[in-house]
Amino acid sequence: MKRYAIGIDLGGTSVKYALIDNEGVFHFQGRVPSKADVSAEAVIGQILYSINEVKTYAVSNDLKIEGIGIGTPGIVDTTSRIVMGGAENIKGWENVCLADIIEKEIGLPVMVGNDANMMGLGEVRFGAGKGMTDVVFITVGTGIGGAVVIDGKLFGGYANRGTELGHVPLIANGEKCACGATGCLEHYASASALVRMFISEAPSYGYIVPENGVNGELIVRLYKEGQPLAVDCLNKHCRYLGQGIAGFINIFSPQLVVIGGGLSDAGQFYIDMVKAEAFKNAMSDCAVNTDIVAAGLGNKAGSLGSASMILDARLKRN
């Protein structure tokens, strides 16, 4: 029997929305600007607009919506269903009673989760981790986010305040991270960190940084061409990321580590480099059942995971 939920993936640039069934099929989808640089109220307005677009489609096609799942940047307290903060890319996104606000306006059950957790859940239900019960998901982009699935269920710590995988300390007495701590994995192994490293080391290699800037795609292309600066920086990046993942393997001993984010699209060579570094540093007994793979769902993972929250909750009630 087909069952349907709305999946919302909120980001700093856009709100992606979809009507998704329990087999992971998208029946309707779209995106609108998130207005994250305006205000929390403007963002909520865009979410409500997105939901109403899906509802209109569902009504016209006689499809019953069971609820709305929302993935959002930041720390989400699932006990009080409040976005507590930690979403620097959305203006005023602190102490927002998001689930209550949306439920009052729409009249459907609402569940809210961290966006990286939703991406990880999506990959486990429908993507690279399908069929697995114990998975660590890590997304490498502007920052580093992550999710941990244990025995088929998302693990978030008490009141869902944990699994900030990007903010595990990696370098003692290291540089200061945006979170306020020092030496975090995110500060050394994110795509932003790779770009920063490339630019700072360019003069010593005699490389002139292009006027239109540097991004991960350029560095990967130069790496493939054998450009020494790019080779050195990507090797360092993979060492940092691999060592962080080794720590997660030692703690969780997952069946899979799934790597998402823009850099995971670089090619299998990138996954292989990170994998080699991770297994070199992980305890062999902890890693014996673990593989490391690229994410498979691309930008659909967040919406799929958000919808899965609702569909999974219904299964538990049944």
C-alpha atoms as a PDB file:
ATOM      1  CA  MET A   1       0.000   0.000   0.000  1.00  0.00           C
ATOM      2  CA  LYS A   2       1.376   3.397  -0.987  1.00  0.00           C
ATOM      3  CA  ARG A   3       1.769   5.942   1.776  1.00  0.00           C
ATOM      4  CA  TYR A   4       2.832   9.557   1.328  1.00  0.00           C
ATOM      5  CA  ALA A   5       4.710  12.247   3.240  1.00  0.00           C
ATOM      6  CA  ILE A   6       6.111  15.671   2.476  1.00  0.00           C
ATOM      7  CA  GLY A   7       9.890  15.964   2.675  1.00  0.00           C
ATOM      8  CA  ILE A   8      11.394  19.433   3.162  1.00  0.00           C
ATOM      9  CA  ASP A   9      15.137  20.058   2.809  1.00  0.00           C
ATOM     10  CA  LEU A  10      15.970  23.549   4.080  1.00  0.00           C
ATOM     11  CA  GLY A  11      19.288  25.105   3.143  1.00  0.00           C
ATOM     12  CA  GLY A  12      20.941  28.483   3.153  1.00  0.00           C
ATOM     13  CA  THR A  13      20.114  28.982  -0.521  1.00  0.00           C
ATOM     14  CA  SER A  14      16.891  27.112  -1.187  1.00  0.00           C
ATOM     15  CA  VAL A  15      13.997  25.100   0.192  1.00  0.00           C
ATOM     16  CA  LYS A  16      13.662  21.795  -1.673  1.00  0.00           C
ATOM     17  CA  TYR A  17      10.281  20.130  -1.256  1.00  0.00           C
ATOM     18  CA  ALA A  18       8.686  16.909  -2.445  1.00  0.00           C
ATOM     19  CA  LEU A  19       5.805  14.489  -2.043  1.00  0.00           C
ATOM     20  CA  ILE A  20       7.431  11.092  -1.512  1.00  0.00           C
ATOM     21  CA  ASP A  21       5.975   7.641  -1.012  1.00  0.00           C
ATOM     22  CA  ASN A  22       7.191   4.800   1.191  1.00  0.00           C
ATOM     23  CA  GLU A  23       9.175   3.312  -1.698  1.00  0.00           C
ATOM     24  CA  GLY A  24      11.166   6.516  -2.147  1.00  0.00           C
ATOM     25  CA  VAL A  25       9.374   7.638  -5.307  1.00  0.00           C
ATOM     26  CA  PHE A  26       9.017  11.409  -5.889  1.00  0.00           C
ATOM     27  CA  HIS A  27       5.492  12.257  -7.059  1.00  0.00           C
ATOM     28  CA  PHE A  28       5.915  16.027  -6.994  1.00  0.00           C
ATOM     29  CA  GLN A  29       8.899  18.255  -6.257  1.00  0.00           C
ATOM     30  CA  GLY A  30      10.221  21.775  -6.509  1.00  0.00           C
ATOM     31  CA  ARG A  31      12.408  24.389  -4.914  1.00  0.00           C
ATOM     32  CA  VAL A  32      12.151  28.030  -3.903  1.00  0.00           C
ATOM     33  CA  PRO A  33      14.690  30.493  -2.495  1.00  0.00           C
ATOM     34  CA  SER A  34      14.972  30.051   1.271  1.00  0.00           C
ATOM     35  CA  LYS A  35      15.358  33.800   2.014  1.00  0.00           C
ATOM     36  CA  ALA A  36      17.846  32.754   4.688  1.00  0.00           C
ATOM     37  CA  ASP A  37      19.531  36.157   4.565  1.00  0.00           C
ATOM     38  CA  VAL A  38      16.262  37.975   5.373  1.00  0.00           C
ATOM     39  CA  SER A  39      14.757  36.586   8.604  1.00  0.00           C
ATOM     40  CA  ALA A  40      13.431  33.479  10.315  1.00  0.00           C
ATOM     41  CA  GLU A  41       9.898  34.628   9.505  1.00  0.00           C
ATOM     42  CA  ALA A  42      10.746  34.878   5.810  1.00  0.00           C
ATOM     43  CA  VAL A  43      12.194  31.350   5.845  1.00  0.00           C
ATOM     44  CA  ILE A  44       9.082  29.973   7.541  1.00  0.00           C
ATOM     45  CA  GLY A  45       6.974  31.716   4.905  1.00  0.00           C
ATOM     46  CA  GLN A  46       8.892  29.907   2.173  1.00  0.00           C
ATOM     47  CA  ILE A  47       8.456  26.566   3.936  1.00  0.00           C
ATOM     48  CA  LEU A  48       4.705  27.161   4.237  1.00  0.00           C
ATOM     49  CA  TYR A  49       4.521  28.109   0.555  1.00  0.00           C
ATOM     50  CA  SER A  50       6.342  24.883  -0.365  1.00  0.00           C
ATOM     51  CA  ILE A  51       4.052  22.730   1.748  1.00  0.00           C
ATOM     52  CA  ASN A  52       0.944  24.309   0.259  1.00  0.00           C
ATOM     53  CA  GLU A  53       2.268  23.633  -3.253  1.00  0.00           C
ATOM     54  CA  VAL A  54       2.573  19.941  -2.385  1.00  0.00           C
ATOM     55  CA  LYS A  55      -0.831  19.871  -0.694  1.00  0.00           C
ATOM     56  CA  THR A  56      -2.478  21.330  -3.784  1.00  0.00           C
ATOM     57  CA  TYR A  57      -0.950  18.571  -5.916  1.00  0.00           C
ATOM     58  CA  ALA A  58      -1.929  15.873  -3.410  1.00  0.00           C
ATOM     59  CA  VAL A  59      -5.542  17.038  -3.208  1.00  0.00           C
ATOM     60  CA  SER A  60      -5.886  17.206  -6.992  1.00  0.00           C
ATOM     61  CA  ASN A  61      -4.570  13.638  -7.251  1.00  0.00           C
ATOM     62  CA  ASP A  62      -6.518  12.267  -4.260  1.00  0.00           C
ATOM     63  CA  LEU A  63      -3.359  11.363  -2.305  1.00  0.00           C
ATOM     64  CA  LYS A  64      -3.427  11.376   1.494  1.00  0.00           C
ATOM     65  CA  ILE A  65      -0.453  13.056   3.195  1.00  0.00           C
ATOM     66  CA  GLU A  66       0.509  11.475   6.541  1.00  0.00           C
ATOM     67  CA  GLY A  67       2.738  14.293   7.717  1.00  0.00           C
ATOM     68  CA  ILE A  68       5.605  16.660   7.036  1.00  0.00           C
ATOM     69  CA  GLY A  69       9.281  16.005   7.724  1.00  0.00           C
ATOM     70  CA  ILE A  70      11.674  18.956   7.745  1.00  0.00           C
ATOM     71  CA  GLY A  71      15.451  18.811   7.629  1.00  0.00           C
ATOM     72  CA  THR A  72      17.103  22.026   8.805  1.00  0.00           C
ATOM     73  CA  PRO A  73      20.617  23.243   9.535  1.00  0.00           C
ATOM     74  CA  GLY A  74      21.385  23.548  13.229  1.00  0.00           C
ATOM     75  CA  ILE A  75      20.764  21.641  16.433  1.00  0.00           C
ATOM     76  CA  VAL A  76      17.217  20.375  16.846  1.00  0.00           C
ATOM     77  CA  ASP A  77      15.853  19.427  20.252  1.00  0.00           C
ATOM     78  CA  THR A  78      13.452  16.617  19.402  1.00  0.00           C
ATOM     79  CA  THR A  79      11.943  16.686  22.907  1.00  0.00           C
ATOM     80  CA  SER A  80      10.599  20.219  22.502  1.00  0.00           C
ATOM     81  CA  ARG A  81      10.854  20.173  18.686  1.00  0.00           C
ATOM     82  CA  ILE A  82      12.738  23.452  18.613  1.00  0.00           C
ATOM     83  CA  VAL A  83      15.607  24.542  16.381  1.00  0.00           C
ATOM     84  CA  MET A  84      18.004  25.659  19.104  1.00  0.00           C
ATOM     85  CA  GLY A  85      20.654  27.332  16.951  1.00  0.00           C
ATOM     86  CA  GLY A  86      23.928  26.497  15.268  1.00  0.00           C
ATOM     87  CA  ALA A  87      22.740  27.413  11.756  1.00  0.00           C
ATOM     88  CA  GLU A  88      25.028  30.289  10.865  1.00  0.00           C
ATOM     89  CA  ASN A  89      23.725  30.351   7.278  1.00  0.00           C
ATOM     90  CA  ILE A  90      20.149  31.298   8.268  1.00  0.00           C
ATOM     91  CA  LYS A  91      19.504  34.698   9.842  1.00  0.00           C
ATOM     92  CA  GLY A  92      17.738  34.533  13.220  1.00  0.00           C
ATOM     93  CA  TRP A  93      17.388  30.734  13.137  1.00  0.00           C
ATOM     94  CA  GLU A  94      17.557  30.299  16.923  1.00  0.00           C
ATOM     95  CA  ASN A  95      14.948  29.061  19.389  1.00  0.00           C
ATOM     96  CA  VAL A  96      12.460  28.547  16.558  1.00  0.00           C
ATOM     97  CA  CYS A  97       9.469  26.363  17.495  1.00  0.00           C
ATOM     98  CA  LEU A  98       9.337  25.147  13.912  1.00  0.00           C
ATOM     99  CA  ALA A  99       7.211  22.015  14.307  1.00  0.00           C
ATOM    100  CA  ASP A 100       4.539  23.805  16.369  1.00  0.00           C
ATOM    101  CA  ILE A 101       4.388  26.749  13.956  1.00  0.00           C
ATOM    102  CA  ILE A 102       3.968  24.567  10.877  1.00  0.00           C
ATOM    103  CA  GLU A 103       1.455  22.225  12.535  1.00  0.00           C
ATOM    104  CA  LYS A 104      -0.696  25.189  13.600  1.00  0.00           C
ATOM    105  CA  GLU A 105      -0.696  26.624  10.079  1.00  0.00           C
ATOM    106  CA  ILE A 106      -1.067  23.401   8.077  1.00  0.00           C
ATOM    107  CA  GLY A 107      -2.901  20.968  10.355  1.00  0.00           C
ATOM    108  CA  LEU A 108      -0.670  17.967   9.667  1.00  0.00           C
ATOM    109  CA  PRO A 109       1.832  16.201  11.972  1.00  0.00           C
ATOM    110  CA  VAL A 110       5.324  17.688  11.684  1.00  0.00           C
ATOM    111  CA  MET A 111       8.717  16.270  12.606  1.00  0.00           C
ATOM    112  CA  VAL A 112      11.973  18.245  12.450  1.00  0.00           C
ATOM    113  CA  GLY A 113      15.539  16.959  12.269  1.00  0.00           C
ATOM    114  CA  ASN A 114      19.043  18.172  11.522  1.00  0.00           C
ATOM    115  CA  ASP A 115      19.686  18.348   7.779  1.00  0.00           C
ATOM    116  CA  ALA A 116      22.788  16.122   7.847  1.00  0.00           C
ATOM    117  CA  ASN A 117      20.857  13.537   9.865  1.00  0.00           C
ATOM    118  CA  MET A 118      18.111  13.610   7.256  1.00  0.00           C
ATOM    119  CA  MET A 119      20.619  13.123   4.432  1.00  0.00           C
ATOM    120  CA  GLY A 120      22.107  10.180   6.302  1.00  0.00           C
ATOM    121  CA  LEU A 121      18.680   8.656   6.945  1.00  0.00           C
ATOM    122  CA  GLY A 122      17.810   9.064   3.281  1.00  0.00           C
ATOM    123  CA  GLU A 123      20.975   7.233   2.219  1.00  0.00           C
ATOM    124  CA  VAL A 124      20.236   4.390   4.637  1.00  0.00           C
ATOM    125  CA  ARG A 125      16.607   3.994   3.598  1.00  0.00           C
ATOM    126  CA  PHE A 126      16.980   4.444  -0.161  1.00  0.00           C
ATOM    127  CA  GLY A 127      20.610   5.057  -1.164  1.00  0.00           C
ATOM    128  CA  ALA A 128      24.127   3.751  -0.649  1.00  0.00           C
ATOM    129  CA  GLY A 129      23.288   2.331   2.788  1.00  0.00           C
ATOM    130  CA  LYS A 130      20.043   0.584   1.850  1.00  0.00           C
ATOM    131  CA  GLY A 131      19.723  -2.719   3.705  1.00  0.00           C
ATOM    132  CA  MET A 132      22.344  -1.775   6.301  1.00  0.00           C
ATOM    133  CA  THR A 133      21.609  -1.355  10.004  1.00  0.00           C
ATOM    134  CA  ASP A 134      24.761   0.443  11.205  1.00  0.00           C
ATOM    135  CA  VAL A 135      26.024   3.350   9.129  1.00  0.00           C
ATOM    136  CA  VAL A 136      28.055   6.522   9.631  1.00  0.00           C
ATOM    137  CA  PHE A 137      27.230   9.236   7.097  1.00  0.00           C
ATOM    138  CA  ILE A 138      29.482  12.237   6.626  1.00  0.00           C
ATOM    139  CA  THR A 139      28.920  15.127   4.235  1.00  0.00           C
ATOM    140  CA  VAL A 140      31.942  17.155   3.157  1.00  0.00           C
ATOM    141  CA  GLY A 141      31.049  20.611   1.898  1.00  0.00           C
ATOM    142  CA  THR A 142      31.361  24.153   3.215  1.00  0.00           C
ATOM    143  CA  GLY A 143      31.393  22.470   6.605  1.00  0.00           C
ATOM    144  CA  ILE A 144      31.239  18.856   7.715  1.00  0.00           C
ATOM    145  CA  GLY A 145      27.992  17.330   8.894  1.00  0.00           C
ATOM    146  CA  GLY A 146      27.151  13.798   9.777  1.00  0.00           C
ATOM    147  CA  ALA A 147      24.675  11.225  10.922  1.00  0.00           C
ATOM    148  CA  VAL A 148      24.945   7.953  12.801  1.00  0.00           C
ATOM    149  CA  VAL A 149      22.471   5.109  12.301  1.00  0.00           C
ATOM    150  CA  ILE A 150      22.620   2.339  14.900  1.00  0.00           C
ATOM    151  CA  ASP A 151      20.473  -0.776  14.608  1.00  0.00           C
ATOM    152  CA  GLY A 152      18.461   0.912  11.863  1.00  0.00           C
ATOM    153  CA  LYS A 153      17.662   4.024  13.889  1.00  0.00           C
ATOM    154  CA  LEU A 154      19.157   7.512  13.896  1.00  0.00           C
ATOM    155  CA  PHE A 155      21.295   8.125  16.959  1.00  0.00           C
ATOM    156  CA  GLY A 156      21.414  11.697  18.183  1.00  0.00           C
ATOM    157  CA  GLY A 157      22.337  11.499  21.837  1.00  0.00           C
ATOM    158  CA  TYR A 158      20.041  12.708  24.603  1.00  0.00           C
ATOM    159  CA  ALA A 159      17.366  15.099  23.237  1.00  0.00           C
ATOM    160  CA  ASN A 160      19.114  14.858  19.858  1.00  0.00           C
ATOM    161  CA  ARG A 161      21.917  17.243  20.848  1.00  0.00           C
ATOM    162  CA  GLY A 162      24.783  15.077  19.594  1.00  0.00           C
ATOM    163  CA  THR A 163      26.434  13.600  16.479  1.00  0.00           C
ATOM    164  CA  GLU A 164      28.099  16.861  15.466  1.00  0.00           C
ATOM    165  CA  LEU A 165      30.713  14.830  13.620  1.00  0.00           C
ATOM    166  CA  GLY A 166      32.389  17.843  12.058  1.00  0.00           C
ATOM    167  CA  HIS A 167      33.235  19.216  15.468  1.00  0.00           C
ATOM    168  CA  VAL A 168      35.184  16.286  16.830  1.00  0.00           C
ATOM    169  CA  PRO A 169      38.598  17.676  17.877  1.00  0.00           C
ATOM    170  CA  LEU A 170      41.262  16.463  15.437  1.00  0.00           C
ATOM    171  CA  ILE A 171      44.313  18.645  16.107  1.00  0.00           C
ATOM    172  CA  ALA A 172      45.357  19.430  19.682  1.00  0.00           C
ATOM    173  CA  ASN A 173      46.176  23.139  19.998  1.00  0.00           C
ATOM    174  CA  GLY A 174      45.010  23.586  16.420  1.00  0.00           C
ATOM    175  CA  GLU A 175      43.444  26.568  14.722  1.00  0.00           C
ATOM    176  CA  LYS A 176      40.149  27.990  15.927  1.00  0.00           C
ATOM    177  CA  CYS A 177      36.999  26.595  14.321  1.00  0.00           C
ATOM    178  CA  ALA A 178      33.863  28.606  13.513  1.00  0.00           C
ATOM    179  CA  CYS A 179      32.121  26.778  16.384  1.00  0.00           C
ATOM    180  CA  GLY A 180      34.522  28.387  18.869  1.00  0.00           C
ATOM    181  CA  ALA A 181      36.563  25.286  19.670  1.00  0.00           C
ATOM    182  CA  THR A 182      40.049  24.534  18.343  1.00  0.00           C
ATOM    183  CA  GLY A 183      41.288  21.882  15.953  1.00  0.00           C
ATOM    184  CA  CYS A 184      37.902  20.564  14.742  1.00  0.00           C
ATOM    185  CA  LEU A 185      37.682  18.069  11.893  1.00  0.00           C
ATOM    186  CA  GLU A 186      35.532  20.549   9.943  1.00  0.00           C
ATOM    187  CA  HIS A 187      38.187  23.251  10.123  1.00  0.00           C
ATOM    188  CA  TYR A 188      40.817  20.949   8.620  1.00  0.00           C
ATOM    189  CA  ALA A 189      38.912  18.562   6.343  1.00  0.00           C
ATOM    190  CA  SER A 190      35.935  20.451   4.844  1.00  0.00           C
ATOM    191  CA  ALA A 191      35.881  21.615   1.234  1.00  0.00           C
ATOM    192  CA  SER A 192      36.288  25.163   2.560  1.00  0.00           C
ATOM    193  CA  ALA A 193      39.411  24.077   4.446  1.00  0.00           C
ATOM    194  CA  LEU A 194      40.820  22.530   1.260  1.00  0.00           C
ATOM    195  CA  VAL A 195      40.314  25.793  -0.648  1.00  0.00           C
ATOM    196  CA  ARG A 196      41.802  27.828   2.193  1.00  0.00           C
ATOM    197  CA  MET A 197      44.854  25.559   2.317  1.00  0.00           C
ATOM    198  CA  PHE A 198      45.301  25.776  -1.462  1.00  0.00           C
ATOM    199  CA  ILE A 199      45.210  29.589  -1.467  1.00  0.00           C
ATOM    200  CA  SER A 200      47.534  29.973   1.527  1.00  0.00           C
ATOM    201  CA  GLU A 201      50.143  27.605   0.083  1.00  0.00           C
ATOM    202  CA  ALA A 202      49.921  28.898  -3.507  1.00  0.00           C
ATOM    203  CA  PRO A 203      52.744  31.484  -3.173  1.00  0.00           C
ATOM    204  CA  SER A 204      55.272  28.886  -2.041  1.00  0.00           C
ATOM    205  CA  TYR A 205      54.482  26.872  -5.187  1.00  0.00           C
ATOM    206  CA  GLY A 206      54.649  29.921  -7.439  1.00  0.00           C
ATOM    207  CA  TYR A 207      50.989  29.441  -8.337  1.00  0.00           C
ATOM    208  CA  ILE A 208      48.929  32.567  -9.099  1.00  0.00           C
ATOM    209  CA  VAL A 209      45.375  32.211  -7.799  1.00  0.00           C
ATOM    210  CA  PRO A 210      42.807  32.929 -10.564  1.00  0.00           C
ATOM    211  CA  GLU A 211      40.892  36.198 -10.289  1.00  0.00           C
ATOM    212  CA  ASN A 212      37.589  34.327 -10.356  1.00  0.00           C
ATOM    213  CA  GLY A 213      38.616  32.352  -7.276  1.00  0.00           C
ATOM    214  CA  VAL A 214      39.208  28.740  -6.308  1.00  0.00           C
ATOM    215  CA  ASN A 215      36.807  25.914  -5.544  1.00  0.00           C
ATOM    216  CA  GLY A 216      37.023  22.203  -4.940  1.00  0.00           C
ATOM    217  CA  GLU A 217      36.233  21.387  -8.562  1.00  0.00           C
ATOM    218  CA  LEU A 218      39.288  23.368  -9.750  1.00  0.00           C
ATOM    219  CA  ILE A 219      41.562  21.697  -7.213  1.00  0.00           C
ATOM    220  CA  VAL A 220      40.378  18.230  -8.253  1.00  0.00           C
ATOM    221  CA  ARG A 221      40.944  19.050 -11.924  1.00  0.00           C
ATOM    222  CA  LEU A 222      44.461  20.337 -11.203  1.00  0.00           C
ATOM    223  CA  TYR A 223      45.130  17.233  -9.083  1.00  0.00           C
ATOM    224  CA  LYS A 224      44.215  15.002 -12.022  1.00  0.00           C
ATOM    225  CA  GLU A 225      46.617  17.043 -14.171  1.00  0.00           C
ATOM    226  CA  GLY A 226      49.391  16.414 -11.643  1.00  0.00           C
ATOM    227  CA  GLN A 227      49.743  20.060 -10.571  1.00  0.00           C
ATOM    228  CA  PRO A 228      52.027  19.877  -7.457  1.00  0.00           C
ATOM    229  CA  LEU A 229      50.110  22.351  -5.277  1.00  0.00           C
ATOM    230  CA  ALA A 230      46.791  20.583  -5.916  1.00  0.00           C
ATOM    231  CA  VAL A 231      48.364  17.164  -5.340  1.00  0.00           C
ATOM    232  CA  ASP A 232      49.862  18.257  -2.017  1.00  0.00           C
ATOM    233  CA  CYS A 233      46.663  19.922  -0.783  1.00  0.00           C
ATOM    234  CA  LEU A 234      44.305  17.104  -1.763  1.00  0.00           C
ATOM    235  CA  ASN A 235      46.622  14.542  -0.176  1.00  0.00           C
ATOM    236  CA  LYS A 236      46.613  16.529   3.083  1.00  0.00           C
ATOM    237  CA  HIS A 237      42.842  16.911   2.927  1.00  0.00           C
ATOM    238  CA  CYS A 238      42.376  13.154   2.504  1.00  0.00           C
ATOM    239  CA  ARG A 239      44.722  12.476   5.419  1.00  0.00           C
ATOM    240  CA  TYR A 240      42.735  14.766   7.715  1.00  0.00           C
ATOM    241  CA  LEU A 241      39.378  13.354   6.611  1.00  0.00           C
ATOM    242  CA  GLY A 242      40.585   9.756   6.706  1.00  0.00           C
ATOM    243  CA  GLN A 243      41.933  10.159  10.239  1.00  0.00           C
ATOM    244  CA  GLY A 244      38.624  11.612  11.396  1.00  0.00           C
ATOM    245  CA  ILE A 245      36.728   8.726   9.817  1.00  0.00           C
ATOM    246  CA  ALA A 246      39.124   6.260  11.461  1.00  0.00           C
ATOM    247  CA  GLY A 247      37.973   7.629  14.805  1.00  0.00           C
ATOM    248  CA  PHE A 248      34.332   7.082  13.878  1.00  0.00           C
ATOM    249  CA  ILE A 249      35.121   3.508  12.798  1.00  0.00           C
ATOM    250  CA  ASN A 250      36.833   2.817  16.138  1.00  0.00           C
ATOM    251  CA  ILE A 251      33.822   4.150  18.045  1.00  0.00           C
ATOM    252  CA  PHE A 252      30.898   2.777  16.025  1.00  0.00           C
ATOM    253  CA  SER A 253      32.346  -0.093  13.931  1.00  0.00           C
ATOM    254  CA  PRO A 254      29.736   0.521  11.214  1.00  0.00           C
ATOM    255  CA  GLN A 255      28.989  -1.650   8.232  1.00  0.00           C
ATOM    256  CA  LEU A 256      29.381   1.406   6.027  1.00  0.00           C
ATOM    257  CA  VAL A 257      30.817   4.896   6.101  1.00  0.00           C
ATOM    258  CA  VAL A 258      28.995   6.885   3.426  1.00  0.00           C
ATOM    259  CA  ILE A 259      30.666  10.072   2.178  1.00  0.00           C
ATOM    260  CA  GLY A 260      28.444  12.737   0.634  1.00  0.00           C
ATOM    261  CA  GLY A 261      28.862  16.353  -0.374  1.00  0.00           C
ATOM    262  CA  GLY A 262      30.419  17.957  -3.430  1.00  0.00           C
ATOM    263  CA  LEU A 263      33.875  16.444  -3.074  1.00  0.00           C
ATOM    264  CA  SER A 264      32.457  12.910  -3.091  1.00  0.00           C
ATOM    265  CA  ASP A 265      31.520  13.572  -6.732  1.00  0.00           C
ATOM    266  CA  ALA A 266      35.213  13.951  -7.624  1.00  0.00           C
ATOM    267  CA  GLY A 267      35.408  10.286  -8.534  1.00  0.00           C
ATOM    268  CA  GLN A 268      36.201   6.897  -7.029  1.00  0.00           C
ATOM    269  CA  PHE A 269      39.867   7.874  -6.716  1.00  0.00           C
ATOM    270  CA  TYR A 270      38.869  10.386  -4.013  1.00  0.00           C
ATOM    271  CA  ILE A 271      36.910   7.798  -2.013  1.00  0.00           C
ATOM    272  CA  ASP A 272      39.837   5.380  -2.382  1.00  0.00           C
ATOM    273  CA  MET A 273      42.312   7.970  -1.031  1.00  0.00           C
ATOM    274  CA  VAL A 274      40.168   8.694   2.018  1.00  0.00           C
ATOM    275  CA  LYS A 275      39.487   4.996   2.510  1.00  0.00           C
ATOM    276  CA  ALA A 276      43.184   4.108   2.502  1.00  0.00           C
ATOM    277  CA  GLU A 277      43.950   6.746   5.133  1.00  0.00           C
ATOM    278  CA  ALA A 278      40.985   5.699   7.292  1.00  0.00           C
ATOM    279  CA  PHE A 279      41.893   2.017   7.318  1.00  0.00           C
ATOM    280  CA  LYS A 280      45.553   2.843   7.951  1.00  0.00           C
ATOM    281  CA  ASN A 281      44.534   4.592  11.183  1.00  0.00           C
ATOM    282  CA  ALA A 282      41.528   2.549  12.336  1.00  0.00           C
ATOM    283  CA  MET A 283      41.899  -0.456  14.615  1.00  0.00           C
ATOM    284  CA  SER A 284      41.719  -3.533  12.400  1.00  0.00           C
ATOM    285  CA  ASP A 285      39.292  -5.391  14.660  1.00  0.00           C
ATOM    286  CA  CYS A 286      36.919  -2.409  14.613  1.00  0.00           C
ATOM    287  CA  ALA A 287      37.159  -1.991  10.845  1.00  0.00           C
ATOM    288  CA  VAL A 288      36.900  -5.648   9.816  1.00  0.00           C
ATOM    289  CA  ASN A 289      33.239  -5.331   8.754  1.00  0.00           C
ATOM    290  CA  THR A 290      33.400  -1.752   7.454  1.00  0.00           C
ATOM    291  CA  ASP A 291      33.437  -0.400   3.911  1.00  0.00           C
ATOM    292  CA  ILE A 292      33.647   3.231   2.785  1.00  0.00           C
ATOM    293  CA  VAL A 293      31.551   4.343  -0.198  1.00  0.00           C
ATOM    294  CA  ALA A 294      30.275   7.472  -1.923  1.00  0.00           C
ATOM    295  CA  ALA A 295      26.715   8.647  -1.302  1.00  0.00           C
ATOM    296  CA  GLY A 296      24.238   7.669  -3.987  1.00  0.00           C
ATOM    297  CA  LEU A 297      21.274  10.047  -3.774  1.00  0.00           C
ATOM    298  CA  GLY A 298      22.797  13.453  -4.508  1.00  0.00           C
ATOM    299  CA  ASN A 299      20.564  16.371  -3.598  1.00  0.00           C
ATOM    300  CA  LYS A 300      17.519  14.112  -3.086  1.00  0.00           C
ATOM    301  CA  ALA A 301      18.885  12.602   0.137  1.00  0.00           C
ATOM    302  CA  GLY A 302      17.625  15.342   2.462  1.00  0.00           C
ATOM    303  CA  SER A 303      14.037  15.288   1.217  1.00  0.00           C
ATOM    304  CA  LEU A 304      13.967  11.485   1.268  1.00  0.00           C
ATOM    305  CA  GLY A 305      15.277  11.366   4.830  1.00  0.00           C
ATOM    306  CA  SER A 306      12.831  14.018   6.010  1.00  0.00           C
ATOM    307  CA  ALA A 307       9.873  12.126   4.541  1.00  0.00           C
ATOM    308  CA  SER A 308      11.239   8.897   6.038  1.00  0.00           C
ATOM    309  CA  MET A 309      10.988  10.390   9.537  1.00  0.00           C
ATOM    310  CA  ILE A 310       7.223  10.591   9.127  1.00  0.00           C
ATOM    311  CA  LEU A 311       6.826   7.232   7.410  1.00  0.00           C
ATOM    312  CA  ASP A 312       9.062   5.480   9.964  1.00  0.00           C
ATOM    313  CA  ALA A 313       7.129   7.013  12.861  1.00  0.00           C
ATOM    314  CA  ARG A 314       3.886   5.688  11.407  1.00  0.00           C
ATOM    315  CA  LEU A 315       5.399   2.229  11.147  1.00  0.00           C
ATOM    316  CA  LYS A 316       6.351   2.376  14.829  1.00  0.00           C
ATOM    317  CA  ARG A 317       2.790   3.343  15.814  1.00  0.00           C
ATOM    318  CA  ASN A 318       1.433   0.424  13.822  1.00  0.00           C
END
